[in-house]
């Protein structure tokens, strides 16, 4: 509904390649919210006419629904678990009441998950959290159970998969020319369709009804 209302309130200028692509709210730290196209998390060359064309063989053109070898590719990124926290911290977590542990695991996906591992929860909880990633609905659980064990770093893999997409302006603060975000930046080697799925999922998550009250002009 939010997407439909955005389109209804959008106007388009001549210099955009993609028709009916409404601008979305963006915010640079310290500034007020403004409407832009950067939060589609693709290079501007894909949107604007007066920019150099990119090759069609890019991850943002990949099928995000049907991803060949998705589960196997994710398993190939698993690394051995090397505990850094004292074992007593893990025991403290295990001693918590079950309802509290379940609530903690529920909260894992309620906000942006930092990329840095803490290793204060046993790995089998992170394995279950991995199965709960909302945009990995087509995992082959049998394949994972057969090919893996709890001495693998499920926390790191889960945090890597949950890394949010970044806009190109967020990536301009460093040295060099801005380039589009991808899972390569998170240390993952995955099919391009998964990177595109993560991008689309984030766009949907960032929709909120109130933003349609802003005037949506195409850039």
N, C-alpha and C. Protein backbone atom coordinates (compact mmCIF):
# COMPACT_ATOMS: atom_id res chain seq x y z
N UNK A 1 0.83 -1.19 0.00
CA UNK A 1 0.00 0.00 0.00
C UNK A 1 0.87 1.26 0.00
N UNK A 2 1.94 1.24 0.82
CA UNK A 2 2.83 2.39 0.86
C UNK A 2 3.46 2.64 -0.50
N UNK A 3 3.89 1.57 -1.18
CA UNK A 3 4.50 1.72 -2.50
C UNK A 3 3.51 2.31 -3.50
N UNK A 4 2.26 1.83 -3.46
CA UNK A 4 1.25 2.36 -4.38
C UNK A 4 0.99 3.84 -4.12
N UNK A 5 0.94 4.23 -2.86
CA UNK A 5 0.68 5.63 -2.53
C UNK A 5 1.87 6.51 -2.90
N UNK A 6 3.09 5.96 -2.77
CA UNK A 6 4.27 6.71 -3.20
C UNK A 6 4.19 7.01 -4.70
N UNK A 7 3.81 5.99 -5.47
CA UNK A 7 3.73 6.16 -6.92
C UNK A 7 2.68 7.20 -7.29
N UNK A 8 1.54 7.16 -6.60
CA UNK A 8 0.47 8.11 -6.88
C UNK A 8 0.89 9.55 -6.60
N UNK A 9 1.79 9.73 -5.63
CA UNK A 9 2.18 11.08 -5.24
C UNK A 9 3.46 11.53 -5.94
N UNK A 10 3.99 10.71 -6.85
CA UNK A 10 5.26 11.03 -7.50
C UNK A 10 5.05 11.76 -8.82
N UNK A 11 5.99 12.63 -9.12
CA UNK A 11 6.06 13.28 -10.42
C UNK A 11 7.43 12.97 -11.00
N UNK A 12 7.50 12.89 -12.33
CA UNK A 12 8.76 12.49 -12.95
C UNK A 12 9.30 13.55 -13.87
N UNK A 13 10.61 13.71 -13.84
CA UNK A 13 11.29 14.60 -14.75
C UNK A 13 11.92 13.79 -15.88
N UNK A 14 12.42 14.48 -16.89
CA UNK A 14 12.83 13.81 -18.13
C UNK A 14 14.12 13.02 -18.01
N UNK A 15 14.93 13.25 -16.96
CA UNK A 15 16.28 12.70 -16.95
C UNK A 15 16.41 11.37 -16.22
N UNK A 16 15.31 10.69 -15.97
CA UNK A 16 15.38 9.40 -15.30
C UNK A 16 15.09 8.27 -16.27
N UNK A 17 15.83 7.17 -16.14
CA UNK A 17 15.65 6.04 -17.05
C UNK A 17 14.41 5.23 -16.71
N UNK A 18 14.16 5.06 -15.41
CA UNK A 18 13.12 4.14 -14.97
C UNK A 18 11.83 4.90 -14.68
N UNK A 19 10.75 4.68 -15.41
CA UNK A 19 9.52 5.43 -15.15
C UNK A 19 8.82 4.97 -13.88
N UNK A 20 8.16 5.91 -13.21
CA UNK A 20 7.32 5.60 -12.05
C UNK A 20 8.11 5.03 -10.88
N UNK A 21 9.38 5.39 -10.75
CA UNK A 21 10.18 4.99 -9.59
C UNK A 21 10.15 6.12 -8.59
N UNK A 22 9.35 6.01 -7.52
CA UNK A 22 9.21 7.14 -6.60
C UNK A 22 10.45 7.31 -5.73
N UNK A 23 10.75 8.55 -5.40
CA UNK A 23 11.83 8.82 -4.46
C UNK A 23 11.43 8.31 -3.08
N UNK A 24 12.43 7.99 -2.27
CA UNK A 24 12.17 7.45 -0.94
C UNK A 24 12.91 8.31 0.08
N UNK A 25 12.44 8.31 1.34
CA UNK A 25 13.08 9.14 2.36
C UNK A 25 14.51 8.70 2.63
N UNK A 26 15.41 9.67 2.70
CA UNK A 26 16.81 9.44 3.04
C UNK A 26 17.19 10.44 4.14
N UNK A 27 18.21 10.08 4.88
CA UNK A 27 18.68 11.02 5.90
C UNK A 27 20.18 10.83 6.11
N UNK A 28 20.93 11.89 5.90
CA UNK A 28 22.34 11.91 6.23
C UNK A 28 22.47 12.35 7.68
N UNK A 29 23.30 11.67 8.48
CA UNK A 29 23.43 12.05 9.90
C UNK A 29 23.66 13.55 10.07
N UNK A 30 22.82 14.15 10.93
CA UNK A 30 22.93 15.58 11.19
C UNK A 30 22.04 16.43 10.32
N UNK A 31 21.45 15.85 9.27
CA UNK A 31 20.58 16.59 8.37
C UNK A 31 19.13 16.13 8.53
N UNK A 32 18.22 16.90 7.97
CA UNK A 32 16.81 16.52 7.99
C UNK A 32 16.53 15.48 6.91
N UNK A 33 15.39 14.85 7.00
CA UNK A 33 15.00 13.84 6.02
C UNK A 33 14.69 14.51 4.68
N UNK A 34 15.13 13.90 3.60
CA UNK A 34 14.84 14.41 2.27
C UNK A 34 14.51 13.22 1.37
N UNK A 35 13.94 13.51 0.22
CA UNK A 35 13.54 12.46 -0.71
C UNK A 35 14.59 12.30 -1.80
N UNK A 36 14.96 11.07 -2.05
CA UNK A 36 16.01 10.77 -3.01
C UNK A 36 15.76 9.39 -3.60
N UNK A 37 16.63 8.96 -4.51
CA UNK A 37 16.57 7.62 -5.09
C UNK A 37 17.72 6.74 -4.61
N UNK A 38 18.59 7.29 -3.75
CA UNK A 38 19.75 6.52 -3.29
C UNK A 38 19.36 5.29 -2.49
N UNK A 39 18.22 5.35 -1.82
CA UNK A 39 17.84 4.23 -0.96
C UNK A 39 17.21 3.06 -1.72
N UNK A 40 17.44 3.00 -3.01
CA UNK A 40 17.20 1.77 -3.75
C UNK A 40 18.48 0.93 -3.80
N UNK A 41 19.56 1.49 -3.26
CA UNK A 41 20.83 0.76 -3.07
C UNK A 41 21.41 0.21 -4.37
N UNK A 42 21.24 0.96 -5.43
CA UNK A 42 21.87 0.62 -6.71
C UNK A 42 22.58 1.87 -7.22
N UNK A 43 23.56 1.71 -8.10
CA UNK A 43 24.29 2.88 -8.59
C UNK A 43 23.38 3.85 -9.34
N UNK A 44 23.72 5.11 -9.29
CA UNK A 44 22.94 6.12 -10.00
C UNK A 44 22.94 5.90 -11.51
N UNK A 45 23.98 5.21 -12.00
CA UNK A 45 24.02 4.93 -13.44
C UNK A 45 22.85 4.09 -13.89
N UNK A 46 22.20 3.38 -12.96
CA UNK A 46 21.04 2.56 -13.29
C UNK A 46 19.76 3.39 -13.37
N UNK A 47 19.82 4.62 -12.89
CA UNK A 47 18.61 5.42 -12.75
C UNK A 47 18.60 6.63 -13.68
N UNK A 48 19.71 7.31 -13.77
CA UNK A 48 19.74 8.58 -14.49
C UNK A 48 20.24 8.41 -15.92
N UNK A 49 19.64 9.16 -16.83
CA UNK A 49 20.00 9.09 -18.24
C UNK A 49 21.40 9.64 -18.51
N UNK A 50 21.76 10.70 -17.85
CA UNK A 50 23.01 11.39 -18.16
C UNK A 50 24.18 10.82 -17.35
N UNK A 51 24.26 9.54 -17.26
CA UNK A 51 25.38 8.88 -16.58
C UNK A 51 25.84 7.71 -17.43
N UNK A 52 27.09 7.29 -17.30
CA UNK A 52 27.59 6.16 -18.10
C UNK A 52 26.80 4.89 -17.81
N UNK A 53 26.58 4.12 -18.83
CA UNK A 53 25.84 2.87 -18.67
C UNK A 53 26.73 1.80 -18.05
N UNK A 54 26.10 0.92 -17.29
CA UNK A 54 26.81 -0.19 -16.67
C UNK A 54 26.46 -1.48 -17.40
N UNK A 55 27.30 -2.47 -17.24
CA UNK A 55 27.03 -3.78 -17.81
C UNK A 55 25.74 -4.35 -17.21
N UNK A 56 24.98 -5.06 -18.02
CA UNK A 56 23.72 -5.66 -17.54
C UNK A 56 23.98 -6.80 -16.56
N UNK A 57 25.19 -7.35 -16.58
CA UNK A 57 25.52 -8.48 -15.72
C UNK A 57 25.97 -7.98 -14.35
N UNK A 58 25.04 -7.44 -13.60
CA UNK A 58 25.30 -6.92 -12.27
C UNK A 58 24.34 -7.60 -11.30
N UNK A 59 24.72 -7.64 -10.01
CA UNK A 59 23.92 -8.40 -9.05
C UNK A 59 22.50 -7.85 -8.92
N UNK A 60 22.31 -6.55 -9.11
CA UNK A 60 20.97 -5.97 -8.95
C UNK A 60 20.03 -6.35 -10.09
N UNK A 61 20.54 -7.02 -11.12
CA UNK A 61 19.70 -7.55 -12.19
C UNK A 61 19.45 -9.04 -12.04
N UNK A 62 19.94 -9.64 -10.96
CA UNK A 62 19.82 -11.09 -10.77
C UNK A 62 18.47 -11.45 -10.15
N UNK A 63 18.01 -12.66 -10.44
CA UNK A 63 16.74 -13.17 -9.91
C UNK A 63 16.86 -13.32 -8.40
N UNK A 64 16.01 -12.61 -7.67
CA UNK A 64 16.07 -12.66 -6.21
C UNK A 64 15.16 -13.72 -5.61
N UNK A 65 14.31 -14.33 -6.41
CA UNK A 65 13.40 -15.35 -5.91
C UNK A 65 13.96 -16.75 -6.06
N UNK A 66 14.50 -17.05 -7.22
CA UNK A 66 15.03 -18.38 -7.49
C UNK A 66 16.55 -18.30 -7.55
N UNK A 67 17.19 -18.72 -6.46
CA UNK A 67 18.64 -18.58 -6.31
C UNK A 67 19.27 -19.97 -6.31
N UNK A 68 19.93 -20.37 -7.38
CA UNK A 68 20.54 -21.70 -7.43
C UNK A 68 21.62 -21.86 -6.35
N UNK A 69 21.64 -23.05 -5.75
CA UNK A 69 22.69 -23.41 -4.78
C UNK A 69 22.78 -22.43 -3.61
N UNK A 70 21.65 -21.90 -3.20
CA UNK A 70 21.66 -20.92 -2.11
C UNK A 70 22.21 -21.51 -0.82
N UNK A 71 21.66 -22.64 -0.40
CA UNK A 71 22.07 -23.23 0.87
C UNK A 71 23.53 -23.66 0.84
N UNK A 72 23.94 -24.32 -0.23
CA UNK A 72 25.32 -24.78 -0.34
C UNK A 72 26.30 -23.61 -0.32
N UNK A 73 25.94 -22.53 -0.97
CA UNK A 73 26.84 -21.37 -1.00
C UNK A 73 26.98 -20.74 0.37
N UNK A 74 25.89 -20.71 1.14
CA UNK A 74 25.97 -20.17 2.49
C UNK A 74 26.81 -21.06 3.39
N UNK A 75 26.64 -22.37 3.25
CA UNK A 75 27.44 -23.30 4.05
C UNK A 75 28.92 -23.15 3.77
N UNK A 76 29.27 -22.84 2.54
CA UNK A 76 30.68 -22.70 2.18
C UNK A 76 31.33 -21.51 2.88
N UNK A 77 30.53 -20.60 3.43
CA UNK A 77 31.07 -19.45 4.15
C UNK A 77 31.24 -19.70 5.64
N UNK A 78 30.77 -20.84 6.13
CA UNK A 78 30.92 -21.15 7.54
C UNK A 78 32.38 -21.39 7.90
N UNK A 79 32.78 -20.84 9.04
CA UNK A 79 34.14 -21.00 9.53
C UNK A 79 34.13 -21.73 10.86
N UNK A 80 35.24 -22.34 11.25
CA UNK A 80 35.31 -23.00 12.57
C UNK A 80 35.07 -21.99 13.69
N UNK A 81 34.40 -22.46 14.72
CA UNK A 81 34.11 -21.62 15.87
C UNK A 81 35.32 -21.57 16.79
N UNK A 82 35.78 -20.35 17.05
CA UNK A 82 36.93 -20.14 17.94
C UNK A 82 36.46 -19.26 19.10
N UNK A 83 36.04 -19.88 20.21
CA UNK A 83 35.48 -19.10 21.32
C UNK A 83 36.48 -18.11 21.89
N UNK A 84 35.99 -16.91 22.17
CA UNK A 84 36.82 -15.87 22.78
C UNK A 84 36.27 -15.45 24.14
N UNK A 85 35.03 -15.80 24.45
CA UNK A 85 34.43 -15.45 25.73
C UNK A 85 34.70 -16.54 26.75
N UNK A 86 34.84 -16.16 28.02
CA UNK A 86 34.99 -17.18 29.06
C UNK A 86 33.80 -18.14 29.05
N UNK A 87 34.06 -19.39 29.29
CA UNK A 87 33.00 -20.40 29.24
C UNK A 87 31.90 -20.11 30.25
N UNK A 88 32.23 -19.39 31.33
CA UNK A 88 31.20 -19.11 32.35
C UNK A 88 30.10 -18.22 31.78
N UNK A 89 30.44 -17.33 30.82
CA UNK A 89 29.41 -16.49 30.21
C UNK A 89 28.41 -17.34 29.45
N UNK A 90 28.90 -18.35 28.75
CA UNK A 90 28.01 -19.25 28.03
C UNK A 90 27.14 -20.02 29.01
N UNK A 91 27.71 -20.41 30.13
CA UNK A 91 26.92 -21.15 31.13
C UNK A 91 25.84 -20.25 31.73
N UNK A 92 26.15 -18.97 31.93
CA UNK A 92 25.15 -18.05 32.46
C UNK A 92 23.94 -17.98 31.53
N UNK A 93 24.21 -17.92 30.24
CA UNK A 93 23.10 -17.86 29.29
C UNK A 93 22.28 -19.14 29.34
N UNK A 94 22.94 -20.27 29.40
CA UNK A 94 22.24 -21.55 29.42
C UNK A 94 21.35 -21.69 30.65
N UNK A 95 21.72 -21.02 31.74
CA UNK A 95 20.96 -21.14 32.99
C UNK A 95 19.73 -20.22 33.02
N UNK A 96 19.62 -19.35 32.05
CA UNK A 96 18.45 -18.46 32.02
C UNK A 96 17.17 -19.26 31.80
N UNK A 97 16.03 -18.79 32.32
CA UNK A 97 14.75 -19.45 32.02
C UNK A 97 14.50 -19.49 30.52
N UNK A 98 13.81 -20.53 30.08
CA UNK A 98 13.60 -20.71 28.64
C UNK A 98 12.87 -19.54 28.01
N UNK A 99 11.89 -18.99 28.71
CA UNK A 99 11.13 -17.88 28.12
C UNK A 99 12.00 -16.64 27.92
N UNK A 100 12.98 -16.43 28.79
CA UNK A 100 13.89 -15.29 28.63
C UNK A 100 14.82 -15.53 27.45
N UNK A 101 15.32 -16.76 27.32
CA UNK A 101 16.18 -17.07 26.18
C UNK A 101 15.42 -16.91 24.87
N UNK A 102 14.18 -17.34 24.85
CA UNK A 102 13.38 -17.18 23.64
C UNK A 102 13.16 -15.71 23.31
N UNK A 103 12.95 -14.91 24.35
CA UNK A 103 12.73 -13.48 24.12
C UNK A 103 14.00 -12.82 23.58
N UNK A 104 15.15 -13.22 24.11
CA UNK A 104 16.42 -12.68 23.62
C UNK A 104 16.60 -13.02 22.14
N UNK A 105 16.30 -14.25 21.77
CA UNK A 105 16.45 -14.65 20.38
C UNK A 105 15.45 -13.92 19.49
N UNK A 106 14.26 -13.63 20.03
CA UNK A 106 13.27 -12.86 19.28
C UNK A 106 13.79 -11.45 18.98
N UNK A 107 14.51 -10.88 19.94
CA UNK A 107 15.00 -9.51 19.78
C UNK A 107 16.15 -9.40 18.80
N UNK A 108 16.75 -10.52 18.44
CA UNK A 108 17.92 -10.49 17.55
C UNK A 108 17.60 -9.76 16.26
N UNK A 109 16.40 -9.97 15.70
CA UNK A 109 16.06 -9.39 14.41
C UNK A 109 15.15 -8.17 14.51
N UNK A 110 14.99 -7.64 15.72
CA UNK A 110 14.11 -6.49 15.89
C UNK A 110 14.82 -5.16 15.66
N UNK A 111 16.13 -5.20 15.50
CA UNK A 111 16.89 -3.99 15.20
C UNK A 111 18.13 -4.39 14.41
N UNK A 112 18.84 -3.39 13.91
CA UNK A 112 20.03 -3.69 13.12
C UNK A 112 21.04 -4.47 13.96
N UNK A 113 21.52 -5.56 13.41
CA UNK A 113 22.42 -6.45 14.14
C UNK A 113 23.86 -6.03 13.86
N UNK A 114 24.62 -5.64 14.88
CA UNK A 114 26.02 -5.26 14.65
C UNK A 114 26.81 -6.41 14.04
N UNK A 115 27.81 -6.07 13.26
CA UNK A 115 28.59 -7.10 12.58
C UNK A 115 29.60 -7.77 13.50
N UNK A 116 29.95 -7.12 14.59
CA UNK A 116 30.96 -7.67 15.50
C UNK A 116 30.37 -8.75 16.38
N UNK A 117 31.02 -9.90 16.41
CA UNK A 117 30.54 -11.03 17.22
C UNK A 117 30.89 -10.80 18.70
N UNK A 118 30.00 -11.27 19.57
CA UNK A 118 30.23 -11.18 21.02
C UNK A 118 30.53 -12.54 21.64
N UNK A 119 30.00 -13.59 21.06
CA UNK A 119 30.20 -14.97 21.52
C UNK A 119 29.79 -15.15 22.98
N UNK A 120 28.68 -14.54 23.36
CA UNK A 120 28.15 -14.73 24.71
C UNK A 120 26.97 -15.70 24.71
N UNK A 121 26.55 -16.14 23.53
CA UNK A 121 25.50 -17.16 23.42
C UNK A 121 26.07 -18.38 22.72
N UNK A 122 25.67 -19.57 23.15
CA UNK A 122 26.14 -20.79 22.48
C UNK A 122 25.78 -20.79 21.00
N UNK A 123 26.61 -21.48 20.22
CA UNK A 123 26.44 -21.45 18.77
C UNK A 123 25.15 -22.11 18.30
N UNK A 124 24.61 -23.06 19.06
CA UNK A 124 23.38 -23.70 18.58
C UNK A 124 22.20 -22.74 18.61
N UNK A 125 22.26 -21.72 19.48
CA UNK A 125 21.21 -20.69 19.45
C UNK A 125 21.35 -19.82 18.20
N UNK A 126 22.59 -19.56 17.82
CA UNK A 126 22.81 -18.78 16.60
C UNK A 126 22.43 -19.57 15.36
N UNK A 127 22.59 -20.87 15.43
CA UNK A 127 22.15 -21.69 14.30
C UNK A 127 20.64 -21.59 14.12
N UNK A 128 19.91 -21.63 15.22
CA UNK A 128 18.46 -21.47 15.13
C UNK A 128 18.10 -20.06 14.66
N UNK A 129 18.87 -19.07 15.11
CA UNK A 129 18.63 -17.70 14.65
C UNK A 129 18.85 -17.59 13.14
N UNK A 130 19.85 -18.31 12.64
CA UNK A 130 20.13 -18.32 11.21
C UNK A 130 18.92 -18.82 10.43
N UNK A 131 18.28 -19.87 10.93
CA UNK A 131 17.07 -20.37 10.28
C UNK A 131 15.92 -19.37 10.35
N UNK A 132 16.00 -18.44 11.30
CA UNK A 132 14.93 -17.46 11.45
C UNK A 132 15.10 -16.19 10.64
N UNK A 133 16.19 -16.08 9.87
CA UNK A 133 16.38 -14.89 9.04
C UNK A 133 15.22 -14.79 8.05
N UNK A 134 14.45 -13.72 8.09
CA UNK A 134 13.18 -13.70 7.35
C UNK A 134 13.29 -13.78 5.84
N UNK A 135 14.40 -13.35 5.26
CA UNK A 135 14.51 -13.40 3.80
C UNK A 135 15.23 -14.66 3.31
N UNK A 136 15.47 -15.61 4.22
CA UNK A 136 16.02 -16.91 3.81
C UNK A 136 14.94 -17.99 3.98
N UNK A 137 13.81 -17.77 3.34
CA UNK A 137 12.68 -18.69 3.50
C UNK A 137 12.86 -20.01 2.74
N UNK A 138 13.83 -20.07 1.84
CA UNK A 138 13.98 -21.25 0.99
C UNK A 138 15.24 -22.06 1.30
N UNK A 139 15.72 -21.98 2.53
CA UNK A 139 16.88 -22.78 2.93
C UNK A 139 16.53 -24.26 2.94
N UNK A 140 17.50 -25.09 2.61
CA UNK A 140 17.36 -26.54 2.70
C UNK A 140 17.85 -26.96 4.08
N UNK A 141 16.93 -27.08 5.02
CA UNK A 141 17.33 -27.37 6.40
C UNK A 141 17.96 -28.74 6.52
N UNK A 142 17.47 -29.71 5.79
CA UNK A 142 18.05 -31.05 5.84
C UNK A 142 19.51 -31.02 5.41
N UNK A 143 19.81 -30.27 4.37
CA UNK A 143 21.19 -30.17 3.90
C UNK A 143 22.08 -29.53 4.96
N UNK A 144 21.57 -28.53 5.63
CA UNK A 144 22.35 -27.86 6.68
C UNK A 144 22.59 -28.80 7.85
N UNK A 145 21.56 -29.52 8.27
CA UNK A 145 21.71 -30.44 9.41
C UNK A 145 22.67 -31.57 9.10
N UNK A 146 22.71 -32.01 7.86
CA UNK A 146 23.61 -33.10 7.48
C UNK A 146 25.06 -32.64 7.35
N UNK A 147 25.23 -31.42 6.91
CA UNK A 147 26.58 -30.98 6.54
C UNK A 147 27.26 -30.11 7.59
N UNK A 148 26.62 -29.88 8.73
CA UNK A 148 27.21 -28.94 9.68
C UNK A 148 27.08 -29.46 11.11
N UNK A 149 27.78 -28.77 11.99
CA UNK A 149 27.75 -29.11 13.41
C UNK A 149 27.83 -27.82 14.20
N UNK A 150 27.79 -27.93 15.54
CA UNK A 150 27.78 -26.75 16.39
C UNK A 150 29.18 -26.19 16.65
N UNK A 151 30.22 -26.82 16.14
CA UNK A 151 31.56 -26.26 16.30
C UNK A 151 31.91 -25.31 15.16
N UNK A 152 30.87 -24.83 14.48
CA UNK A 152 31.04 -23.84 13.42
C UNK A 152 30.50 -22.49 13.89
N UNK A 153 31.01 -21.43 13.28
CA UNK A 153 30.69 -20.08 13.74
C UNK A 153 29.39 -19.58 13.11
N UNK A 154 28.27 -20.02 13.70
CA UNK A 154 26.96 -19.61 13.21
C UNK A 154 26.68 -18.14 13.53
N UNK A 155 27.26 -17.66 14.61
CA UNK A 155 27.04 -16.24 14.95
C UNK A 155 27.62 -15.33 13.88
N UNK A 156 28.83 -15.60 13.45
CA UNK A 156 29.46 -14.75 12.44
C UNK A 156 28.68 -14.79 11.13
N UNK A 157 28.27 -15.99 10.72
CA UNK A 157 27.53 -16.10 9.46
C UNK A 157 26.20 -15.35 9.55
N UNK A 158 25.50 -15.49 10.67
CA UNK A 158 24.22 -14.80 10.84
C UNK A 158 24.39 -13.29 10.79
N UNK A 159 25.40 -12.80 11.48
CA UNK A 159 25.64 -11.36 11.48
C UNK A 159 26.04 -10.86 10.09
N UNK A 160 26.81 -11.66 9.36
CA UNK A 160 27.20 -11.27 8.00
C UNK A 160 25.98 -11.18 7.08
N UNK A 161 25.11 -12.18 7.16
CA UNK A 161 23.93 -12.19 6.30
C UNK A 161 23.01 -11.01 6.62
N UNK A 162 22.96 -10.63 7.89
CA UNK A 162 22.07 -9.54 8.31
C UNK A 162 22.68 -8.16 8.10
N UNK A 163 23.89 -8.08 7.58
CA UNK A 163 24.49 -6.77 7.30
C UNK A 163 23.57 -5.96 6.39
N UNK A 164 23.26 -4.73 6.74
CA UNK A 164 22.35 -3.94 5.91
C UNK A 164 23.03 -3.41 4.66
N UNK A 165 22.24 -3.23 3.62
CA UNK A 165 22.73 -2.57 2.42
C UNK A 165 23.03 -1.11 2.73
N UNK A 166 23.97 -0.54 2.00
CA UNK A 166 24.34 0.86 2.19
C UNK A 166 24.15 1.62 0.89
N UNK A 167 23.78 2.88 1.02
CA UNK A 167 23.65 3.72 -0.16
C UNK A 167 25.03 4.16 -0.65
N UNK A 168 25.09 4.65 -1.87
CA UNK A 168 26.37 5.10 -2.40
C UNK A 168 26.88 6.33 -1.67
N UNK A 169 25.96 7.20 -1.19
CA UNK A 169 26.45 8.38 -0.46
C UNK A 169 27.03 7.98 0.88
N UNK A 170 26.55 6.90 1.48
CA UNK A 170 27.15 6.43 2.72
C UNK A 170 28.58 5.93 2.49
N UNK A 171 28.86 5.53 1.27
CA UNK A 171 30.16 4.97 0.96
C UNK A 171 31.11 6.01 0.39
N UNK A 172 30.68 7.27 0.33
CA UNK A 172 31.55 8.32 -0.21
C UNK A 172 32.47 8.92 0.84
N UNK A 173 32.21 8.60 2.10
CA UNK A 173 33.01 9.22 3.15
C UNK A 173 34.44 8.69 3.16
N UNK A 174 34.68 7.49 2.64
CA UNK A 174 36.02 6.92 2.61
C UNK A 174 36.81 7.41 1.42
N UNK A 175 37.99 6.85 1.28
CA UNK A 175 38.85 7.23 0.16
C UNK A 175 38.39 6.53 -1.11
N UNK A 176 38.65 7.16 -2.23
CA UNK A 176 38.34 6.53 -3.51
C UNK A 176 36.92 6.80 -3.96
N UNK A 177 36.60 6.30 -5.12
CA UNK A 177 35.29 6.51 -5.72
C UNK A 177 34.25 5.59 -5.09
N UNK A 178 33.04 6.12 -4.92
CA UNK A 178 31.97 5.32 -4.32
C UNK A 178 31.61 4.16 -5.23
N UNK A 179 31.29 3.04 -4.64
CA UNK A 179 30.87 1.87 -5.40
C UNK A 179 29.68 1.26 -4.69
N UNK A 180 28.84 0.51 -5.38
CA UNK A 180 27.64 -0.04 -4.74
C UNK A 180 27.98 -1.08 -3.69
N UNK A 181 27.13 -1.14 -2.69
CA UNK A 181 27.28 -2.15 -1.63
C UNK A 181 27.05 -3.53 -2.20
N UNK A 182 27.71 -4.53 -1.61
CA UNK A 182 27.41 -5.92 -1.91
C UNK A 182 27.85 -6.77 -0.72
N UNK A 183 27.47 -8.03 -0.73
CA UNK A 183 27.86 -8.92 0.36
C UNK A 183 29.37 -9.17 0.39
N UNK A 184 30.06 -8.84 -0.68
CA UNK A 184 31.53 -8.93 -0.66
C UNK A 184 32.10 -8.08 0.46
N UNK A 185 31.46 -6.95 0.74
CA UNK A 185 31.95 -6.06 1.80
C UNK A 185 31.81 -6.69 3.18
N UNK A 186 30.96 -7.68 3.30
CA UNK A 186 30.74 -8.36 4.58
C UNK A 186 31.57 -9.63 4.69
N UNK A 187 32.39 -9.89 3.69
CA UNK A 187 33.23 -11.08 3.72
C UNK A 187 32.53 -12.33 3.25
N UNK A 188 31.43 -12.20 2.52
CA UNK A 188 30.67 -13.35 2.07
C UNK A 188 30.82 -13.56 0.57
N UNK A 189 30.84 -14.82 0.18
CA UNK A 189 30.79 -15.18 -1.24
C UNK A 189 29.47 -15.91 -1.45
N UNK A 190 28.51 -15.22 -2.05
CA UNK A 190 27.16 -15.75 -2.22
C UNK A 190 26.67 -15.46 -3.63
N UNK A 191 25.63 -16.16 -4.08
CA UNK A 191 25.07 -15.87 -5.40
C UNK A 191 24.57 -14.42 -5.48
N UNK A 192 24.68 -13.80 -6.64
CA UNK A 192 24.24 -12.40 -6.77
C UNK A 192 22.76 -12.20 -6.47
N UNK A 193 21.96 -13.23 -6.70
CA UNK A 193 20.54 -13.11 -6.41
C UNK A 193 20.26 -12.86 -4.94
N UNK A 194 21.11 -13.40 -4.05
CA UNK A 194 20.90 -13.18 -2.62
C UNK A 194 21.21 -11.73 -2.25
N UNK A 195 22.24 -11.17 -2.84
CA UNK A 195 22.55 -9.76 -2.60
C UNK A 195 21.37 -8.89 -3.04
N UNK A 196 20.78 -9.21 -4.18
CA UNK A 196 19.64 -8.45 -4.66
C UNK A 196 18.43 -8.65 -3.75
N UNK A 197 18.24 -9.86 -3.25
CA UNK A 197 17.13 -10.12 -2.33
C UNK A 197 17.29 -9.31 -1.05
N UNK A 198 18.52 -9.25 -0.52
CA UNK A 198 18.76 -8.46 0.69
C UNK A 198 18.43 -7.00 0.44
N UNK A 199 18.80 -6.48 -0.71
CA UNK A 199 18.51 -5.09 -1.07
C UNK A 199 17.01 -4.84 -1.10
N UNK A 200 16.28 -5.71 -1.78
CA UNK A 200 14.82 -5.54 -1.91
C UNK A 200 14.14 -5.66 -0.56
N UNK A 201 14.59 -6.62 0.24
CA UNK A 201 13.99 -6.81 1.56
C UNK A 201 14.17 -5.56 2.41
N UNK A 202 15.33 -4.95 2.34
CA UNK A 202 15.58 -3.75 3.12
C UNK A 202 14.72 -2.59 2.65
N UNK A 203 14.52 -2.46 1.35
CA UNK A 203 13.64 -1.40 0.84
C UNK A 203 12.24 -1.54 1.42
N UNK A 204 11.74 -2.77 1.46
CA UNK A 204 10.40 -3.02 2.00
C UNK A 204 10.37 -2.72 3.50
N UNK A 205 11.40 -3.16 4.23
CA UNK A 205 11.44 -2.91 5.67
C UNK A 205 11.45 -1.42 5.99
N UNK A 206 12.04 -0.62 5.13
CA UNK A 206 12.18 0.80 5.41
C UNK A 206 10.96 1.62 5.01
N UNK A 207 9.95 0.97 4.47
CA UNK A 207 8.71 1.67 4.14
C UNK A 207 7.91 1.93 5.41
N UNK A 208 7.35 3.12 5.51
CA UNK A 208 6.42 3.40 6.60
C UNK A 208 5.33 4.33 6.07
N UNK A 209 4.10 4.14 6.51
CA UNK A 209 2.97 4.85 5.90
C UNK A 209 3.10 6.36 5.90
N UNK A 210 3.71 6.94 6.94
CA UNK A 210 3.76 8.40 7.03
C UNK A 210 4.58 9.03 5.93
N UNK A 211 5.48 8.28 5.31
CA UNK A 211 6.34 8.93 4.32
C UNK A 211 5.57 9.32 3.06
N UNK A 212 4.38 8.79 2.87
CA UNK A 212 3.61 9.19 1.69
C UNK A 212 3.02 10.59 1.84
N UNK A 213 3.10 11.16 3.04
CA UNK A 213 2.63 12.53 3.22
C UNK A 213 3.63 13.53 2.65
N UNK A 214 4.86 13.07 2.37
CA UNK A 214 5.85 13.94 1.75
C UNK A 214 5.61 13.94 0.25
N UNK A 215 5.94 15.03 -0.42
CA UNK A 215 5.77 15.09 -1.87
C UNK A 215 6.88 14.30 -2.54
N UNK A 216 6.54 13.34 -3.35
CA UNK A 216 7.51 12.45 -3.97
C UNK A 216 7.78 12.88 -5.40
N UNK A 217 8.92 13.48 -5.59
CA UNK A 217 9.31 13.90 -6.93
C UNK A 217 10.37 12.96 -7.45
N UNK A 218 10.24 12.54 -8.69
CA UNK A 218 11.30 11.76 -9.31
C UNK A 218 12.52 12.64 -9.53
N UNK A 219 13.71 12.03 -9.36
CA UNK A 219 14.94 12.82 -9.50
C UNK A 219 15.32 12.96 -10.96
